[in-house]
N, C-alpha and C. Protein backbone atom coordinates (compact mmCIF):
# COMPACT_ATOMS: atom_id res chain seq x y z
N MET A 1 0.70 -1.33 0.04
CA MET A 1 0.10 0.08 0.00
C MET A 1 0.76 1.35 -0.03
N LYS A 2 1.85 1.09 0.88
CA LYS A 2 2.62 2.32 0.58
C LYS A 2 3.84 2.74 -0.60
N ASN A 3 4.29 1.65 -1.51
CA ASN A 3 4.48 1.62 -2.63
C ASN A 3 3.38 2.46 -3.46
N GLN A 4 1.94 2.10 -3.58
CA GLN A 4 0.93 2.43 -4.09
C GLN A 4 0.82 3.87 -3.90
N LEU A 5 0.63 4.33 -2.63
CA LEU A 5 0.59 5.63 -2.29
C LEU A 5 1.74 6.44 -2.90
N ARG A 6 3.04 6.01 -3.10
CA ARG A 6 4.16 6.92 -3.41
C ARG A 6 4.05 6.93 -4.92
N THR A 7 3.27 5.97 -5.48
CA THR A 7 3.33 5.96 -6.92
C THR A 7 2.45 6.87 -7.37
N VAL A 8 1.12 7.46 -7.16
CA VAL A 8 0.01 8.30 -7.06
C VAL A 8 0.51 9.52 -6.87
N ALA A 9 1.30 9.49 -5.28
CA ALA A 9 2.15 10.85 -4.97
C ALA A 9 2.97 11.39 -6.38
N GLY A 10 3.43 10.50 -6.63
CA GLY A 10 4.37 10.81 -7.85
C GLY A 10 3.49 11.03 -9.16
N VAL A 11 2.47 10.43 -9.78
CA VAL A 11 1.43 10.78 -10.61
C VAL A 11 0.96 12.16 -10.33
N ILE A 12 0.36 12.82 -9.27
CA ILE A 12 -0.28 13.86 -8.89
C ILE A 12 0.52 15.07 -9.01
N ALA A 13 1.85 14.48 -8.29
CA ALA A 13 2.92 15.71 -8.16
C ALA A 13 3.17 15.72 -9.61
N GLY A 14 3.69 14.89 -10.34
CA GLY A 14 3.65 14.98 -12.12
C GLY A 14 2.72 15.71 -12.91
N LEU A 15 0.91 15.62 -12.92
CA LEU A 15 0.19 16.37 -13.39
C LEU A 15 0.31 17.88 -12.80
N CYS A 16 0.85 18.54 -11.55
CA CYS A 16 1.03 19.34 -10.72
C CYS A 16 2.23 20.05 -11.97
N LEU A 17 3.05 20.03 -11.78
CA LEU A 17 4.70 19.97 -12.20
C LEU A 17 4.96 20.02 -13.73
N THR A 18 4.04 19.22 -13.91
CA THR A 18 4.59 18.82 -15.77
C THR A 18 3.51 19.27 -16.63
N LEU A 19 2.80 19.87 -16.53
CA LEU A 19 1.89 19.99 -17.67
C LEU A 19 2.21 20.24 -18.59
N GLY A 20 1.93 19.92 -19.39
CA GLY A 20 2.51 20.08 -21.19
C GLY A 20 1.62 20.86 -22.07
N PRO A 21 1.51 20.69 -23.02
CA PRO A 21 0.72 21.25 -24.21
C PRO A 21 -0.67 21.21 -24.27
N GLY A 22 -0.63 20.04 -23.58
CA GLY A 22 -1.98 19.45 -23.80
C GLY A 22 -2.85 19.75 -22.47
N ALA A 23 -2.57 20.68 -21.91
CA ALA A 23 -3.58 20.92 -20.62
C ALA A 23 -4.26 22.25 -20.50
N VAL A 24 -4.74 21.98 -20.30
CA VAL A 24 -6.49 22.85 -20.72
C VAL A 24 -6.56 23.77 -19.34
N GLY A 25 -6.72 25.10 -19.39
CA GLY A 25 -6.41 25.85 -18.50
C GLY A 25 -7.75 26.76 -18.22
N TYR A 26 -7.88 26.68 -17.10
CA TYR A 26 -9.21 27.87 -16.70
C TYR A 26 -8.96 29.28 -17.53
N ALA A 27 -8.20 29.59 -17.69
CA ALA A 27 -7.87 31.23 -18.32
C ALA A 27 -8.52 31.05 -19.26
N GLN A 28 -7.97 29.81 -20.22
CA GLN A 28 -8.87 29.35 -21.47
C GLN A 28 -9.96 29.49 -22.22
N THR A 29 -11.02 28.94 -20.95
CA THR A 29 -12.43 29.05 -20.72
C THR A 29 -13.10 29.90 -20.10
N HIS A 30 -12.38 30.34 -19.15
CA HIS A 30 -13.55 31.25 -18.30
C HIS A 30 -13.22 32.28 -18.49
N PRO A 31 -13.51 33.75 -18.32
CA PRO A 31 -12.83 35.11 -18.14
C PRO A 31 -12.55 35.21 -16.79
N ALA A 32 -11.27 36.40 -16.86
CA ALA A 32 -11.05 36.69 -15.28
C ALA A 32 -12.12 37.07 -14.27
N VAL A 33 -12.55 38.12 -15.39
CA VAL A 33 -13.77 38.93 -14.30
C VAL A 33 -15.07 38.67 -14.61
N PRO A 34 -16.06 38.11 -14.01
CA PRO A 34 -17.48 38.05 -14.28
C PRO A 34 -18.34 39.35 -15.01
N GLY A 35 -18.56 40.03 -15.74
CA GLY A 35 -18.91 41.01 -16.60
C GLY A 35 -19.64 41.52 -15.19
N ALA A 36 -21.25 40.17 -15.10
CA ALA A 36 -22.33 41.28 -14.12
C ALA A 36 -21.83 41.45 -12.80
N ALA A 37 -20.51 41.06 -12.49
CA ALA A 37 -20.41 41.47 -10.72
C ALA A 37 -19.86 43.27 -11.02
N ARG A 38 -19.50 42.96 -11.54
CA ARG A 38 -18.78 45.07 -11.77
C ARG A 38 -19.37 45.90 -12.28
N LYS A 39 -19.41 47.23 -11.73
CA LYS A 39 -20.17 47.70 -12.54
C LYS A 39 -19.49 48.67 -13.66
N GLU A 40 -17.98 48.91 -12.73
CA GLU A 40 -17.09 48.96 -13.17
C GLU A 40 -16.66 48.82 -15.06
N ALA A 41 -15.61 49.48 -15.99
CA ALA A 41 -15.19 48.63 -16.33
C ALA A 41 -13.39 48.24 -16.09
N VAL A 42 -13.18 46.95 -16.07
CA VAL A 42 -12.15 46.05 -15.91
C VAL A 42 -11.19 45.86 -17.17
N MET A 43 -9.56 46.09 -16.73
CA MET A 43 -9.18 45.56 -18.27
C MET A 43 -8.30 44.35 -16.94
N THR A 44 -8.27 43.18 -18.01
CA THR A 44 -7.69 41.98 -17.30
C THR A 44 -5.90 42.30 -17.55
N THR A 45 -5.18 41.80 -17.10
CA THR A 45 -3.67 42.11 -17.27
C THR A 45 -3.15 40.69 -16.79
N ARG A 46 -2.17 40.38 -17.78
CA ARG A 46 -1.41 39.32 -17.76
C ARG A 46 0.15 39.44 -16.55
N ALA A 47 -0.07 38.42 -15.60
CA ALA A 47 1.15 38.36 -14.81
C ALA A 47 2.12 37.38 -14.89
N SER A 48 3.57 37.00 -15.76
CA SER A 48 4.09 36.21 -15.56
C SER A 48 5.63 35.73 -15.56
N GLY A 49 6.02 34.97 -15.38
CA GLY A 49 7.12 34.53 -14.53
C GLY A 49 7.63 32.93 -14.27
N THR A 50 7.94 32.80 -13.49
CA THR A 50 8.90 31.51 -13.24
C THR A 50 8.21 30.94 -11.50
N PHE A 51 8.57 29.69 -11.51
CA PHE A 51 8.60 29.56 -9.66
C PHE A 51 8.93 28.15 -9.24
N ASP A 52 9.83 28.15 -8.35
CA ASP A 52 10.10 27.11 -7.81
C ASP A 52 9.30 26.43 -6.56
N VAL A 53 9.49 25.64 -6.50
CA VAL A 53 7.83 24.25 -6.35
C VAL A 53 8.35 23.09 -5.33
N LYS A 54 8.55 23.42 -3.95
CA LYS A 54 8.89 21.96 -3.04
C LYS A 54 6.96 21.00 -2.58
N LEU A 55 7.25 19.92 -2.91
CA LEU A 55 6.00 19.23 -2.43
C LEU A 55 6.85 18.59 -1.42
N THR A 56 6.09 17.81 -0.07
CA THR A 56 6.31 17.50 0.87
C THR A 56 5.58 16.44 1.23
N PRO A 57 5.17 15.30 1.24
CA PRO A 57 4.43 14.29 1.64
C PRO A 57 3.73 14.34 3.35
N GLN A 58 2.43 14.41 3.39
CA GLN A 58 2.57 14.23 5.20
C GLN A 58 2.02 13.31 5.29
N THR A 59 1.41 12.81 6.71
CA THR A 59 1.45 11.76 6.80
C THR A 59 -0.23 11.32 6.52
N ALA A 60 -0.18 9.84 5.65
CA ALA A 60 -1.71 9.74 5.35
C ALA A 60 -2.69 9.45 6.38
N GLU A 61 -3.77 9.52 6.79
CA GLU A 61 -4.51 8.86 7.79
C GLU A 61 -5.19 8.09 7.12
N ASN A 62 -6.16 8.26 5.86
CA ASN A 62 -6.88 6.97 5.22
C ASN A 62 -6.12 6.04 4.48
N LYS A 63 -6.68 4.81 4.87
CA LYS A 63 -5.69 3.60 4.66
C LYS A 63 -7.24 3.10 3.62
N ALA A 64 -7.72 3.86 2.69
CA ALA A 64 -9.10 3.28 1.44
C ALA A 64 -8.02 2.24 0.67
N GLU A 65 -8.94 1.75 -0.02
CA GLU A 65 -8.30 0.57 -0.89
C GLU A 65 -7.76 2.10 -2.13
N THR A 66 -8.78 3.23 -2.44
CA THR A 66 -8.00 3.93 -2.98
C THR A 66 -7.02 5.02 -2.77
N PRO A 67 -6.07 4.73 -3.62
CA PRO A 67 -4.73 5.51 -2.86
C PRO A 67 -4.74 6.77 -2.50
N MET A 68 -4.92 7.77 -1.34
CA MET A 68 -5.14 8.61 -1.14
C MET A 68 -3.96 9.44 -0.08
N GLY A 69 -3.60 10.57 -0.16
CA GLY A 69 -2.79 11.05 0.54
C GLY A 69 -3.02 13.05 0.06
N ARG A 70 -1.63 13.40 1.35
CA ARG A 70 -1.47 15.07 1.01
C ARG A 70 -0.29 15.31 1.13
N LEU A 71 -0.28 16.77 0.46
CA LEU A 71 1.27 17.21 0.22
C LEU A 71 1.16 18.36 0.56
N SER A 72 1.50 19.02 1.41
CA SER A 72 2.47 20.64 1.59
C SER A 72 2.97 21.09 0.51
N ILE A 73 2.62 22.18 -0.07
CA ILE A 73 2.92 22.96 -1.21
C ILE A 73 3.74 24.36 -0.16
N ASP A 74 5.12 24.19 -0.68
CA ASP A 74 6.09 25.42 -0.86
C ASP A 74 6.38 26.49 -2.24
N LYS A 75 6.13 27.70 -2.94
CA LYS A 75 6.55 28.12 -3.80
C LYS A 75 7.14 29.16 -3.25
N GLN A 76 8.09 29.61 -4.87
CA GLN A 76 8.90 31.07 -4.55
C GLN A 76 8.23 31.29 -5.92
N PHE A 77 7.93 31.90 -5.94
CA PHE A 77 7.39 32.79 -7.36
C PHE A 77 7.93 34.46 -7.76
N HIS A 78 8.79 34.38 -9.01
CA HIS A 78 9.54 35.34 -9.85
C HIS A 78 8.71 36.12 -11.07
N GLY A 79 9.19 37.14 -10.98
CA GLY A 79 8.78 38.12 -12.36
C GLY A 79 7.96 38.76 -11.71
N ASP A 80 6.70 38.77 -12.52
CA ASP A 80 5.72 39.76 -12.26
C ASP A 80 4.80 39.89 -10.94
N VAL A 81 5.01 37.88 -10.51
CA VAL A 81 4.52 38.07 -8.93
C VAL A 81 5.84 37.86 -8.67
N GLU A 82 6.18 38.83 -6.91
CA GLU A 82 7.50 37.79 -6.61
C GLU A 82 6.98 37.70 -5.24
N ALA A 83 6.57 36.24 -5.01
CA ALA A 83 6.01 36.30 -3.62
C ALA A 83 6.50 34.85 -3.14
N ALA A 84 5.85 34.31 -1.81
CA ALA A 84 6.10 33.02 -1.54
C ALA A 84 4.77 32.24 -1.27
N SER A 85 4.63 31.23 -1.22
CA SER A 85 3.04 30.50 -0.89
C SER A 85 3.34 29.63 -0.43
N GLN A 86 2.26 29.04 0.26
CA GLN A 86 2.72 28.03 1.21
C GLN A 86 0.59 27.46 1.28
N GLY A 87 0.71 26.46 1.19
CA GLY A 87 -0.29 25.23 0.35
C GLY A 87 -1.09 23.69 1.01
N GLU A 88 -1.69 23.33 0.76
CA GLU A 88 -2.06 21.85 1.08
C GLU A 88 -2.78 21.40 0.11
N MET A 89 -2.22 19.95 -0.44
CA MET A 89 -2.97 19.09 -1.69
C MET A 89 -3.60 17.99 -1.34
N LEU A 90 -4.75 17.64 -1.56
CA LEU A 90 -5.22 16.47 -1.71
C LEU A 90 -5.27 15.59 -2.87
N PHE A 91 -5.40 14.40 -2.76
CA PHE A 91 -4.32 13.51 -3.89
C PHE A 91 -5.39 11.86 -4.24
N ALA A 92 -6.39 11.80 -5.05
CA ALA A 92 -6.27 10.46 -5.41
C ALA A 92 -6.18 9.69 -6.52
N GLY A 93 -5.77 8.25 -7.09
CA GLY A 93 -5.29 8.22 -7.95
C GLY A 93 -6.07 6.79 -8.07
N GLY A 94 -6.45 5.91 -8.82
CA GLY A 94 -7.19 4.57 -9.41
C GLY A 94 -6.39 3.77 -9.81
N PRO A 95 -6.99 3.00 -10.10
CA PRO A 95 -6.73 1.80 -10.08
C PRO A 95 -5.26 1.85 -11.89
N ALA A 96 -5.92 2.59 -12.31
CA ALA A 96 -5.43 2.76 -13.79
C ALA A 96 -3.92 3.82 -13.57
N LYS A 97 -3.16 3.13 -14.65
CA LYS A 97 -1.96 3.89 -14.12
C LYS A 97 -1.69 4.98 -14.54
N GLY A 98 -1.46 5.86 -14.50
CA GLY A 98 -1.53 7.43 -14.98
C GLY A 98 -2.33 8.19 -14.28
N ALA A 99 -4.04 7.63 -13.84
CA ALA A 99 -5.33 8.21 -13.52
C ALA A 99 -4.79 9.23 -12.40
N GLY A 100 -5.56 10.15 -12.45
CA GLY A 100 -5.92 10.74 -10.77
C GLY A 100 -6.05 11.84 -10.79
N GLY A 101 -6.44 12.62 -9.46
CA GLY A 101 -7.00 13.69 -9.07
C GLY A 101 -6.65 14.41 -7.92
N TYR A 102 -6.28 16.09 -8.02
CA TYR A 102 -6.15 16.19 -6.99
C TYR A 102 -6.96 17.81 -6.85
N VAL A 103 -6.85 18.46 -5.60
CA VAL A 103 -7.47 19.73 -5.19
C VAL A 103 -6.02 20.26 -4.35
N ALA A 104 -6.55 21.69 -4.21
CA ALA A 104 -4.95 22.03 -3.14
C ALA A 104 -6.05 23.63 -2.90
N ILE A 105 -5.18 23.87 -2.01
CA ILE A 105 -5.37 25.70 -1.83
C ILE A 105 -4.12 26.12 -1.44
N GLU A 106 -3.48 27.36 -1.96
CA GLU A 106 -2.23 27.51 -1.19
C GLU A 106 -2.52 29.16 -1.17
N ARG A 107 -2.36 29.88 0.07
CA ARG A 107 -1.84 31.28 0.22
C ARG A 107 -0.87 32.18 -0.27
N VAL A 108 -0.86 32.67 -1.13
CA VAL A 108 0.49 33.36 -1.85
C VAL A 108 0.19 35.45 -1.09
N SER A 109 1.53 35.23 -0.89
CA SER A 109 1.55 36.54 0.28
C SER A 109 3.32 37.42 -0.82
N GLY A 110 3.34 38.50 -1.03
CA GLY A 110 4.45 39.14 -1.92
C GLY A 110 3.69 40.29 -2.38
N THR A 111 3.94 40.71 -3.50
CA THR A 111 3.51 41.59 -4.57
C THR A 111 3.21 41.00 -6.20
N LEU A 112 2.41 41.68 -6.59
CA LEU A 112 1.80 41.12 -7.90
C LEU A 112 1.99 42.34 -8.80
N HIS A 113 2.94 42.87 -10.27
CA HIS A 113 2.92 43.55 -10.60
C HIS A 113 3.90 44.72 -9.62
N GLY A 114 4.06 44.72 -8.57
CA GLY A 114 4.20 46.25 -7.07
C GLY A 114 3.12 46.08 -6.35
N ARG A 115 2.04 45.34 -6.60
CA ARG A 115 1.17 45.94 -5.90
C ARG A 115 1.43 45.01 -4.51
N SER A 116 1.51 44.93 -3.16
CA SER A 116 1.63 43.78 -2.08
C SER A 116 0.41 43.62 -1.52
N GLY A 117 0.53 42.25 -0.60
CA GLY A 117 -0.33 41.85 -0.24
C GLY A 117 -0.89 40.34 0.01
N THR A 118 -1.82 40.11 0.14
CA THR A 118 -2.20 38.36 -0.12
C THR A 118 -3.36 37.85 -0.95
N PHE A 119 -3.08 36.70 -1.32
CA PHE A 119 -4.28 35.99 -1.99
C PHE A 119 -4.39 34.51 -2.09
N VAL A 120 -5.27 34.20 -2.57
CA VAL A 120 -5.50 32.27 -1.95
C VAL A 120 -5.90 32.22 -3.55
N LEU A 121 -5.11 30.71 -3.66
CA LEU A 121 -5.16 30.08 -5.07
C LEU A 121 -6.05 28.37 -4.76
N GLN A 122 -6.80 28.10 -5.66
CA GLN A 122 -7.43 27.21 -6.00
C GLN A 122 -7.21 26.06 -6.94
N HIS A 123 -6.80 25.00 -6.98
CA HIS A 123 -6.22 24.33 -7.61
C HIS A 123 -7.54 23.29 -7.86
N SER A 124 -7.25 22.53 -9.28
CA SER A 124 -8.12 21.22 -9.29
C SER A 124 -7.99 20.43 -10.69
N GLY A 125 -7.50 19.75 -10.44
CA GLY A 125 -6.56 18.84 -11.69
C GLY A 125 -7.27 17.14 -11.59
N THR A 126 -7.61 16.81 -13.14
CA THR A 126 -7.43 15.11 -12.98
C THR A 126 -6.48 14.90 -14.21
N MET A 127 -5.48 13.78 -13.96
CA MET A 127 -4.83 13.20 -15.22
C MET A 127 -5.44 11.56 -15.21
N THR A 128 -5.85 11.81 -17.15
CA THR A 128 -6.25 10.44 -17.31
C THR A 128 -5.00 9.77 -18.44
N ARG A 129 -5.31 8.78 -19.14
CA ARG A 129 -4.52 8.42 -20.84
C ARG A 129 -4.97 9.00 -21.59
N SER A 130 -5.92 10.07 -21.25
CA SER A 130 -5.95 10.91 -22.78
C SER A 130 -5.85 12.09 -22.70
N GLY A 131 -5.00 12.37 -21.37
CA GLY A 131 -4.56 13.95 -21.01
C GLY A 131 -4.93 14.10 -19.50
N THR A 132 -4.30 15.79 -19.45
CA THR A 132 -4.90 16.22 -18.48
C THR A 132 -5.24 17.44 -18.14
N GLN A 133 -5.93 18.06 -17.21
CA GLN A 133 -7.03 18.89 -17.15
C GLN A 133 -6.86 19.37 -15.49
N MET A 134 -6.34 20.93 -15.90
CA MET A 134 -5.94 22.39 -14.50
C MET A 134 -6.62 23.00 -14.18
N THR A 135 -7.14 23.55 -13.38
CA THR A 135 -7.98 24.62 -13.41
C THR A 135 -7.27 25.46 -11.91
N ILE A 136 -6.67 26.96 -11.96
CA ILE A 136 -6.53 27.45 -10.93
C ILE A 136 -7.15 28.69 -10.97
N ILE A 137 -7.78 28.84 -9.69
CA ILE A 137 -8.35 30.94 -9.79
C ILE A 137 -7.94 31.21 -8.44
N VAL A 138 -8.10 32.96 -8.27
CA VAL A 138 -7.48 33.18 -7.92
C VAL A 138 -9.52 32.96 -6.62
N VAL A 139 -9.30 32.82 -5.38
CA VAL A 139 -10.34 32.72 -4.52
C VAL A 139 -10.67 34.06 -4.41
N PRO A 140 -12.53 33.99 -4.74
CA PRO A 140 -12.91 35.34 -5.20
C PRO A 140 -13.02 35.95 -3.38
N ASP A 141 -12.99 37.41 -3.55
CA ASP A 141 -12.68 38.05 -2.09
C ASP A 141 -11.51 37.80 -1.08
N SER A 142 -10.35 37.16 -1.39
CA SER A 142 -9.64 36.44 -0.89
C SER A 142 -8.17 37.35 -0.58
N GLY A 143 -8.11 38.05 -2.09
CA GLY A 143 -6.97 39.73 -1.53
C GLY A 143 -7.28 40.24 -0.40
N THR A 144 -5.79 40.93 -0.12
CA THR A 144 -5.95 41.70 1.22
C THR A 144 -4.12 42.54 0.27
N GLY A 145 -4.69 43.93 1.55
CA GLY A 145 -3.89 45.06 0.99
C GLY A 145 -4.40 45.86 -0.68
N GLN A 146 -2.75 45.81 -0.99
CA GLN A 146 -3.36 46.04 -2.62
C GLN A 146 -3.64 45.11 -2.97
N LEU A 147 -3.89 44.06 -3.12
CA LEU A 147 -4.61 43.16 -3.69
C LEU A 147 -5.99 42.99 -3.82
N ALA A 148 -6.85 43.65 -2.84
CA ALA A 148 -7.94 43.85 -2.50
C ALA A 148 -9.14 43.61 -3.59
N GLY A 149 -10.00 42.67 -3.95
CA GLY A 149 -10.68 42.95 -4.84
C GLY A 149 -10.29 41.87 -6.11
N LEU A 150 -8.61 41.60 -5.82
CA LEU A 150 -8.04 40.62 -7.20
C LEU A 150 -9.16 39.42 -7.50
N THR A 151 -9.26 39.32 -8.80
CA THR A 151 -9.91 38.28 -9.54
C THR A 151 -8.53 37.70 -10.65
N GLY A 152 -9.06 36.46 -10.88
CA GLY A 152 -8.50 35.87 -11.95
C GLY A 152 -7.91 34.32 -12.17
N SER A 153 -7.19 33.89 -13.14
CA SER A 153 -6.75 32.56 -13.15
C SER A 153 -5.61 32.36 -13.69
N MET A 154 -5.28 31.01 -13.47
CA MET A 154 -3.59 31.06 -13.49
C MET A 154 -3.40 29.74 -14.37
N THR A 155 -2.26 29.53 -15.42
CA THR A 155 -1.79 28.59 -15.66
C THR A 155 -0.52 28.45 -15.72
N ILE A 156 -0.28 27.12 -15.88
CA ILE A 156 1.39 26.26 -15.34
C ILE A 156 1.67 25.51 -16.55
N LYS A 157 3.04 25.65 -16.87
CA LYS A 157 3.62 25.26 -17.58
C LYS A 157 5.03 24.91 -17.49
N VAL A 158 5.44 23.62 -17.62
CA VAL A 158 7.30 23.24 -17.75
C VAL A 158 7.38 23.23 -18.45
N GLU A 159 8.80 23.78 -18.78
CA GLU A 159 9.74 23.83 -20.26
C GLU A 159 11.03 23.48 -19.56
N ASN A 160 11.98 22.67 -20.25
CA ASN A 160 13.12 22.38 -19.77
C ASN A 160 13.06 22.23 -18.39
N GLY A 161 12.57 21.40 -17.75
CA GLY A 161 12.37 21.77 -16.18
C GLY A 161 12.22 22.47 -15.08
N GLN A 162 11.57 24.15 -16.28
CA GLN A 162 11.45 25.28 -15.45
C GLN A 162 9.91 25.06 -15.80
N HIS A 163 9.82 25.27 -14.28
CA HIS A 163 8.03 25.72 -14.21
C HIS A 163 7.75 27.45 -14.14
N HIS A 164 6.28 27.29 -15.05
CA HIS A 164 6.25 28.89 -15.65
C HIS A 164 5.14 29.10 -15.35
N TYR A 165 4.70 30.24 -14.95
CA TYR A 165 3.13 30.43 -14.61
C TYR A 165 2.85 31.82 -15.69
N GLU A 166 1.47 31.77 -15.81
CA GLU A 166 0.87 32.79 -16.35
C GLU A 166 -0.42 33.56 -15.88
N LEU A 167 -0.90 34.26 -14.65
CA LEU A 167 -1.65 34.51 -14.16
C LEU A 167 -2.58 35.77 -14.80
N ASP A 168 -3.74 35.88 -15.53
CA ASP A 168 -4.51 36.48 -15.79
C ASP A 168 -5.52 37.18 -14.96
N TYR A 169 -5.35 38.40 -14.75
CA TYR A 169 -5.76 38.92 -13.57
C TYR A 169 -6.92 39.94 -13.94
N ALA A 170 -7.27 40.40 -12.91
CA ALA A 170 -7.86 41.85 -12.89
C ALA A 170 -8.05 42.89 -11.69
N LEU A 171 -8.41 43.39 -11.19
CA LEU A 171 -7.69 44.48 -10.09
C LEU A 171 -8.37 46.16 -10.20
N PRO A 172 -9.01 46.10 -9.37
CA PRO A 172 -9.20 47.57 -9.02
C PRO A 172 -8.70 48.79 -8.86
N GLU A 173 -8.73 50.20 -9.68
CA GLU A 173 -7.89 50.88 -9.49
C GLU A 173 -7.33 51.26 -7.98
N LEU A 174 -6.33 51.69 -7.82
CA LEU A 174 -6.06 51.89 -6.14
C LEU A 174 -6.63 53.61 -5.85
N PRO A 175 -7.10 53.47 -4.65
CA PRO A 175 -8.03 55.03 -4.54
C PRO A 175 -6.86 56.61 -4.40
């Protein structure tokens, strides 16, 4: 069971860290700002850069037949987002090799295009034999400081072992 759990953790970590051109990002299918939710016109801006990530397995509390597990997430963002994040990931895998799913929440603290504060990212991902899909959104009303009111979605790519992000977002004007 322990080896099977490690295998599933590797598959899910691979999903989170090595999504390639076949991945579908939330930003490609959903606008960053729902038009009906705001009265003022808000322009969407793109932030991009790289990040380093460390995933640490946590003690498995569930001994179910389907391998399940939990990982802590520690990231350092570079580029338009200069920040650190901490979070938690839950994952499960099925009996088919290369299949699994995960959800995660991470709190990002730092600057976004020079504006400081915090916000929370919500992840959901699945991997099947036919491909992968990952959705990462900014949790509504999670922004603080100069990032209050932040909305958006993120995509992740890995090229030559380097992790890249693109955050399509909107922010209200500073007073």
